[in-house]
């Protein structure tokens, strides 16, 4: 049995080179747009900052290669500027050029977005989120395309910046800020 994208009951999007080509009504509703308004737009319009769009693209490029599926959690932005946590799963349709054709599923998460992240950069926020998900430095390095040593350095700087003693305190701080690691 085959289904058209429009018939699927979850927010789905088909993209080519990170340009939205087709969306279903659930996807458009999730972000507060009409379906036609999203077609031929860059995914950039759905991110709070251009730096977030670039960072996620780099991370997916590293992990999406070879036609694999990949997923992550990130903060996205609705048309009205409201930010929300979202779990995104994607699958490349062409192993040799993963971004050329891909399908993505977006799931909004019931995780509050704090008004401020006490001055952490987008990369630091990404690393804290992955730490709180229980990922090792090696796992984080693989997902972000950074070296394991760079991840260790980021993690140490974040802990120092926040005045914390260790990773357990970092996870506790993250949860106090409204984060919820996925099990």
C-alpha atoms as a PDB file:
ATOM      1  CA  UNK A   1       0.000   0.000   0.000  1.00  0.00           C
ATOM      2  CA  UNK A   2       1.397   3.448  -0.921  1.00  0.00           C
ATOM      3  CA  UNK A   3       0.475   6.783   0.591  1.00  0.00           C
ATOM      4  CA  UNK A   4       0.824  10.285  -0.737  1.00  0.00           C
ATOM      5  CA  UNK A   5       2.670  12.734   1.525  1.00  0.00           C
ATOM      6  CA  UNK A   6      -0.547  14.711   1.946  1.00  0.00           C
ATOM      7  CA  UNK A   7      -2.372  11.673   3.335  1.00  0.00           C
ATOM      8  CA  UNK A   8       0.070  10.962   6.170  1.00  0.00           C
ATOM      9  CA  UNK A   9      -1.163  11.966   9.652  1.00  0.00           C
ATOM     10  CA  UNK A  10       2.206  13.238  10.932  1.00  0.00           C
ATOM     11  CA  UNK A  11       4.141  16.402   9.974  1.00  0.00           C
ATOM     12  CA  UNK A  12       6.168  15.392   6.909  1.00  0.00           C
ATOM     13  CA  UNK A  13       8.227  17.279   4.357  1.00  0.00           C
ATOM     14  CA  UNK A  14      10.066  16.355   1.169  1.00  0.00           C
ATOM     15  CA  UNK A  15      13.148  18.462   0.444  1.00  0.00           C
ATOM     16  CA  UNK A  16      15.878  18.787  -2.147  1.00  0.00           C
ATOM     17  CA  UNK A  17      19.159  20.315  -0.992  1.00  0.00           C
ATOM     18  CA  UNK A  18      17.431  21.726   2.113  1.00  0.00           C
ATOM     19  CA  UNK A  19      14.801  23.474  -0.003  1.00  0.00           C
ATOM     20  CA  UNK A  20      11.229  22.501   0.858  1.00  0.00           C
ATOM     21  CA  UNK A  21       9.521  20.947  -2.160  1.00  0.00           C
ATOM     22  CA  UNK A  22       6.365  19.441  -0.650  1.00  0.00           C
ATOM     23  CA  UNK A  23       4.729  19.394   2.778  1.00  0.00           C
ATOM     24  CA  UNK A  24       1.580  17.914   4.191  1.00  0.00           C
ATOM     25  CA  UNK A  25      -1.054  19.903   6.088  1.00  0.00           C
ATOM     26  CA  UNK A  26       0.214  18.679   9.475  1.00  0.00           C
ATOM     27  CA  UNK A  27       3.685  20.087   8.763  1.00  0.00           C
ATOM     28  CA  UNK A  28       2.304  23.447   7.629  1.00  0.00           C
ATOM     29  CA  UNK A  29       0.028  23.611  10.696  1.00  0.00           C
ATOM     30  CA  UNK A  30       2.926  22.783  13.038  1.00  0.00           C
ATOM     31  CA  UNK A  31       4.813  25.849  11.824  1.00  0.00           C
ATOM     32  CA  UNK A  32       1.786  28.129  11.279  1.00  0.00           C
ATOM     33  CA  UNK A  33       2.043  28.436   7.500  1.00  0.00           C
ATOM     34  CA  UNK A  34      -0.120  27.545   4.535  1.00  0.00           C
ATOM     35  CA  UNK A  35       1.344  24.664   2.554  1.00  0.00           C
ATOM     36  CA  UNK A  36       1.894  26.799  -0.548  1.00  0.00           C
ATOM     37  CA  UNK A  37       3.878  29.377   1.470  1.00  0.00           C
ATOM     38  CA  UNK A  38       6.471  26.763   2.409  1.00  0.00           C
ATOM     39  CA  UNK A  39       7.074  25.301  -1.045  1.00  0.00           C
ATOM     40  CA  UNK A  40      10.408  26.329  -2.569  1.00  0.00           C
ATOM     41  CA  UNK A  41      11.556  27.946   0.688  1.00  0.00           C
ATOM     42  CA  UNK A  42      14.812  27.169   2.438  1.00  0.00           C
ATOM     43  CA  UNK A  43      14.485  25.337   5.748  1.00  0.00           C
ATOM     44  CA  UNK A  44      16.239  28.406   7.154  1.00  0.00           C
ATOM     45  CA  UNK A  45      12.864  30.145   7.656  1.00  0.00           C
ATOM     46  CA  UNK A  46      11.995  27.531  10.316  1.00  0.00           C
ATOM     47  CA  UNK A  47      15.062  28.126  12.512  1.00  0.00           C
ATOM     48  CA  UNK A  48      15.440  30.787  15.202  1.00  0.00           C
ATOM     49  CA  UNK A  49      18.846  31.866  13.808  1.00  0.00           C
ATOM     50  CA  UNK A  50      20.846  31.352  10.630  1.00  0.00           C
ATOM     51  CA  UNK A  51      23.649  29.900  12.783  1.00  0.00           C
ATOM     52  CA  UNK A  52      21.249  27.158  13.961  1.00  0.00           C
ATOM     53  CA  UNK A  53      20.374  26.301  10.346  1.00  0.00           C
ATOM     54  CA  UNK A  54      24.058  26.098   9.387  1.00  0.00           C
ATOM     55  CA  UNK A  55      25.021  24.057  12.460  1.00  0.00           C
ATOM     56  CA  UNK A  56      22.228  21.513  11.946  1.00  0.00           C
ATOM     57  CA  UNK A  57      23.132  21.221   8.257  1.00  0.00           C
ATOM     58  CA  UNK A  58      26.737  20.440   9.148  1.00  0.00           C
ATOM     59  CA  UNK A  59      25.644  17.881  11.718  1.00  0.00           C
ATOM     60  CA  UNK A  60      23.244  16.170   9.305  1.00  0.00           C
ATOM     61  CA  UNK A  61      25.792  16.212   6.475  1.00  0.00           C
ATOM     62  CA  UNK A  62      28.171  14.275   8.728  1.00  0.00           C
ATOM     63  CA  UNK A  63      25.575  11.736   9.862  1.00  0.00           C
ATOM     64  CA  UNK A  64      23.327  11.522   6.799  1.00  0.00           C
ATOM     65  CA  UNK A  65      26.028  10.351   4.386  1.00  0.00           C
ATOM     66  CA  UNK A  66      25.589   7.025   2.679  1.00  0.00           C
ATOM     67  CA  UNK A  67      21.800   7.203   2.578  1.00  0.00           C
ATOM     68  CA  UNK A  68      21.346   6.563   6.260  1.00  0.00           C
ATOM     69  CA  UNK A  69      18.504   7.798   8.326  1.00  0.00           C
ATOM     70  CA  UNK A  70      19.260  10.238  11.110  1.00  0.00           C
ATOM     71  CA  UNK A  71      17.421  11.989  13.917  1.00  0.00           C
ATOM     72  CA  UNK A  72      18.019  14.747  16.405  1.00  0.00           C
ATOM     73  CA  UNK A  73      16.237  17.169  18.710  1.00  0.00           C
ATOM     74  CA  UNK A  74      16.417  20.905  18.236  1.00  0.00           C
ATOM     75  CA  UNK A  75      14.633  24.193  18.773  1.00  0.00           C
ATOM     76  CA  UNK A  76      12.592  25.346  15.778  1.00  0.00           C
ATOM     77  CA  UNK A  77      10.532  28.484  15.198  1.00  0.00           C
ATOM     78  CA  UNK A  78       6.947  28.951  14.086  1.00  0.00           C
ATOM     79  CA  UNK A  79       5.836  31.692  11.731  1.00  0.00           C
ATOM     80  CA  UNK A  80       4.741  33.858  14.680  1.00  0.00           C
ATOM     81  CA  UNK A  81       8.206  33.604  16.270  1.00  0.00           C
ATOM     82  CA  UNK A  82       7.230  31.022  18.894  1.00  0.00           C
ATOM     83  CA  UNK A  83      10.096  28.632  19.534  1.00  0.00           C
ATOM     84  CA  UNK A  84       9.551  24.960  20.327  1.00  0.00           C
ATOM     85  CA  UNK A  85      11.523  21.767  20.764  1.00  0.00           C
ATOM     86  CA  UNK A  86      11.189  19.340  17.907  1.00  0.00           C
ATOM     87  CA  UNK A  87      12.409  15.810  17.184  1.00  0.00           C
ATOM     88  CA  UNK A  88      13.351  15.473  13.533  1.00  0.00           C
ATOM     89  CA  UNK A  89      13.907  12.195  11.707  1.00  0.00           C
ATOM     90  CA  UNK A  90      15.134  12.099   8.138  1.00  0.00           C
ATOM     91  CA  UNK A  91      15.950   9.578   5.459  1.00  0.00           C
ATOM     92  CA  UNK A  92      17.965  10.234   2.355  1.00  0.00           C
ATOM     93  CA  UNK A  93      16.564   8.810  -0.846  1.00  0.00           C
ATOM     94  CA  UNK A  94      19.944   8.803  -2.646  1.00  0.00           C
ATOM     95  CA  UNK A  95      22.901   7.307  -0.796  1.00  0.00           C
ATOM     96  CA  UNK A  96      25.494   9.055  -2.965  1.00  0.00           C
ATOM     97  CA  UNK A  97      24.028  12.561  -2.414  1.00  0.00           C
ATOM     98  CA  UNK A  98      22.067  12.573   0.867  1.00  0.00           C
ATOM     99  CA  UNK A  99      20.683  16.123   0.685  1.00  0.00           C
ATOM    100  CA  UNK A 100      19.583  15.877  -2.959  1.00  0.00           C
ATOM    101  CA  UNK A 101      16.342  14.132  -2.020  1.00  0.00           C
ATOM    102  CA  UNK A 102      15.183  13.454   1.509  1.00  0.00           C
ATOM    103  CA  UNK A 103      12.036  12.998   3.533  1.00  0.00           C
ATOM    104  CA  UNK A 104      11.720  14.308   7.089  1.00  0.00           C
ATOM    105  CA  UNK A 105       9.257  13.777   9.911  1.00  0.00           C
ATOM    106  CA  UNK A 106       8.895  16.496  12.563  1.00  0.00           C
ATOM    107  CA  UNK A 107       7.429  15.836  16.018  1.00  0.00           C
ATOM    108  CA  UNK A 108       6.811  18.723  18.404  1.00  0.00           C
ATOM    109  CA  UNK A 109       7.974  17.933  21.922  1.00  0.00           C
ATOM    110  CA  UNK A 110       6.431  18.995  25.220  1.00  0.00           C
ATOM    111  CA  UNK A 111       9.659  20.594  26.431  1.00  0.00           C
ATOM    112  CA  UNK A 112       9.642  24.262  27.384  1.00  0.00           C
ATOM    113  CA  UNK A 113      12.060  26.588  25.644  1.00  0.00           C
ATOM    114  CA  UNK A 114      13.679  28.893  28.181  1.00  0.00           C
ATOM    115  CA  UNK A 115      13.751  32.580  27.335  1.00  0.00           C
ATOM    116  CA  UNK A 116      17.543  32.628  27.661  1.00  0.00           C
ATOM    117  CA  UNK A 117      20.272  30.016  27.809  1.00  0.00           C
ATOM    118  CA  UNK A 118      22.577  32.093  30.054  1.00  0.00           C
ATOM    119  CA  UNK A 119      24.827  33.079  27.185  1.00  0.00           C
ATOM    120  CA  UNK A 120      25.597  29.654  25.744  1.00  0.00           C
ATOM    121  CA  UNK A 121      26.347  29.568  22.043  1.00  0.00           C
ATOM    122  CA  UNK A 122      24.164  27.446  19.744  1.00  0.00           C
ATOM    123  CA  UNK A 123      26.957  24.824  19.589  1.00  0.00           C
ATOM    124  CA  UNK A 124      27.219  24.751  23.400  1.00  0.00           C
ATOM    125  CA  UNK A 125      23.451  24.398  23.708  1.00  0.00           C
ATOM    126  CA  UNK A 126      23.587  21.510  21.234  1.00  0.00           C
ATOM    127  CA  UNK A 127      26.324  19.772  23.233  1.00  0.00           C
ATOM    128  CA  UNK A 128      24.509  20.261  26.553  1.00  0.00           C
ATOM    129  CA  UNK A 129      21.370  18.760  24.999  1.00  0.00           C
ATOM    130  CA  UNK A 130      23.300  15.730  23.756  1.00  0.00           C
ATOM    131  CA  UNK A 131      25.009  15.294  27.148  1.00  0.00           C
ATOM    132  CA  UNK A 132      21.609  15.367  28.856  1.00  0.00           C
ATOM    133  CA  UNK A 133      20.437  12.676  26.432  1.00  0.00           C
ATOM    134  CA  UNK A 134      23.172  10.442  27.890  1.00  0.00           C
ATOM    135  CA  UNK A 135      25.478  10.580  24.879  1.00  0.00           C
ATOM    136  CA  UNK A 136      29.202  10.043  25.376  1.00  0.00           C
ATOM    137  CA  UNK A 137      31.829  12.472  24.087  1.00  0.00           C
ATOM    138  CA  UNK A 138      32.557   9.950  21.329  1.00  0.00           C
ATOM    139  CA  UNK A 139      28.850   9.793  20.362  1.00  0.00           C
ATOM    140  CA  UNK A 140      28.583  13.585  20.402  1.00  0.00           C
ATOM    141  CA  UNK A 141      31.716  13.916  18.270  1.00  0.00           C
ATOM    142  CA  UNK A 142      30.293  11.491  15.712  1.00  0.00           C
ATOM    143  CA  UNK A 143      26.937  13.296  15.574  1.00  0.00           C
ATOM    144  CA  UNK A 144      28.307  16.820  15.386  1.00  0.00           C
ATOM    145  CA  UNK A 145      31.291  16.173  13.133  1.00  0.00           C
ATOM    146  CA  UNK A 146      33.658  17.522  15.780  1.00  0.00           C
ATOM    147  CA  UNK A 147      36.645  15.701  17.189  1.00  0.00           C
ATOM    148  CA  UNK A 148      36.208  13.950  20.520  1.00  0.00           C
ATOM    149  CA  UNK A 149      38.790  16.314  22.028  1.00  0.00           C
ATOM    150  CA  UNK A 150      36.824  19.359  20.823  1.00  0.00           C
ATOM    151  CA  UNK A 151      33.672  17.976  22.425  1.00  0.00           C
ATOM    152  CA  UNK A 152      35.569  17.411  25.686  1.00  0.00           C
ATOM    153  CA  UNK A 153      36.844  21.000  25.544  1.00  0.00           C
ATOM    154  CA  UNK A 154      33.345  22.385  24.888  1.00  0.00           C
ATOM    155  CA  UNK A 155      31.921  20.337  27.731  1.00  0.00           C
ATOM    156  CA  UNK A 156      34.600  21.535  30.168  1.00  0.00           C
ATOM    157  CA  UNK A 157      34.143  25.183  29.129  1.00  0.00           C
ATOM    158  CA  UNK A 158      30.361  24.926  29.540  1.00  0.00           C
ATOM    159  CA  UNK A 159      30.736  23.444  33.023  1.00  0.00           C
ATOM    160  CA  UNK A 160      33.197  26.211  33.983  1.00  0.00           C
ATOM    161  CA  UNK A 161      31.075  28.975  32.417  1.00  0.00           C
ATOM    162  CA  UNK A 162      28.049  27.872  34.407  1.00  0.00           C
ATOM    163  CA  UNK A 163      30.072  27.441  37.608  1.00  0.00           C
ATOM    164  CA  UNK A 164      29.280  23.738  37.881  1.00  0.00           C
ATOM    165  CA  UNK A 165      31.427  20.902  39.197  1.00  0.00           C
ATOM    166  CA  UNK A 166      30.751  18.040  36.782  1.00  0.00           C
ATOM    167  CA  UNK A 167      28.513  16.561  34.083  1.00  0.00           C
ATOM    168  CA  UNK A 168      25.889  15.441  36.597  1.00  0.00           C
ATOM    169  CA  UNK A 169      25.446  19.068  37.683  1.00  0.00           C
ATOM    170  CA  UNK A 170      25.354  20.083  34.002  1.00  0.00           C
ATOM    171  CA  UNK A 171      22.448  17.692  33.342  1.00  0.00           C
ATOM    172  CA  UNK A 172      20.663  18.963  36.483  1.00  0.00           C
ATOM    173  CA  UNK A 173      21.168  22.562  35.290  1.00  0.00           C
ATOM    174  CA  UNK A 174      19.809  21.638  31.843  1.00  0.00           C
ATOM    175  CA  UNK A 175      16.676  20.125  33.382  1.00  0.00           C
ATOM    176  CA  UNK A 176      16.168  23.227  35.566  1.00  0.00           C
ATOM    177  CA  UNK A 177      16.308  25.315  32.387  1.00  0.00           C
ATOM    178  CA  UNK A 178      13.386  23.342  30.977  1.00  0.00           C
ATOM    179  CA  UNK A 179      15.275  20.582  29.198  1.00  0.00           C
ATOM    180  CA  UNK A 180      14.161  16.975  29.323  1.00  0.00           C
ATOM    181  CA  UNK A 181      16.596  14.356  28.162  1.00  0.00           C
ATOM    182  CA  UNK A 182      15.056  11.618  26.085  1.00  0.00           C
ATOM    183  CA  UNK A 183      15.469   8.093  27.337  1.00  0.00           C
END
